[in-house]
Amino acid sequence: MKWWLVLGVVSLAACAIVNVYVTFPEEKIKQAADDLLGPALPTPQKPKGQSFFKLQFGQTAWAQEAALSSTLKTSSPILDQIKKRRDSWREKIDEFKAKGYLGETNSFSLVVKETPPASLAAEVAELREKENRERNLMIEELMKINNANPHQEKTFRSIFAEVMIKKYTPEGAWVQQPDGTWIRK
């Protein structure tokens, strides 16, 4: 009769679904933000090879380089498409930010800060909407392909906002501080 109990426990354990999420340190998220938010640059392709390492007892082993890397993945077909779309309107967004029409929030989104002239209002609103949609998709995809802990989304957003404001937002633009106040950069 005990074997039934053991068989039942083993069967339940075999059916259990386990989700393992990865928690990334801030430095890795900042590097990912820099990779994804910066302007498109021609990057030399790193050969996909194998890395050599020694095992504990002096044995030699080969392993795929990706398995040894602890960096966030910042490339996927979806992320590449997002980056390409964002690059197509980057200059216009920067122009609208510099003029004060758009502001960068501390949660990685754009808001209309100052009312643009009527002739530009529709374009500003449309670009803000498209940019925010792409940013949301970017964060979703980045967390998905890295199996990131869902509780880290707020951290991802605040770090991406910080990198965006520091490195990729023009002078004179409205930026939201961590405490929620707005200033001109």
Foldseek 3Di string as FASTA:
>chain_A
DVVVVVVVVVVVVVPDDDQDADADDLVLLLVLLCVLVDADDDDDDDDFDWDWDADPVRHTDIDGPVVVDPHQDNDDVLSVVLSVVCNVCLVVLLVCQQVAQWEQELQGAIDGGDQDPPVCRVVNVVVRVSNRVSRVVSLVVSCVVNRHDPVCSSVSRNSSSVSCVPPPHDFQGWYADPVGDIDTD
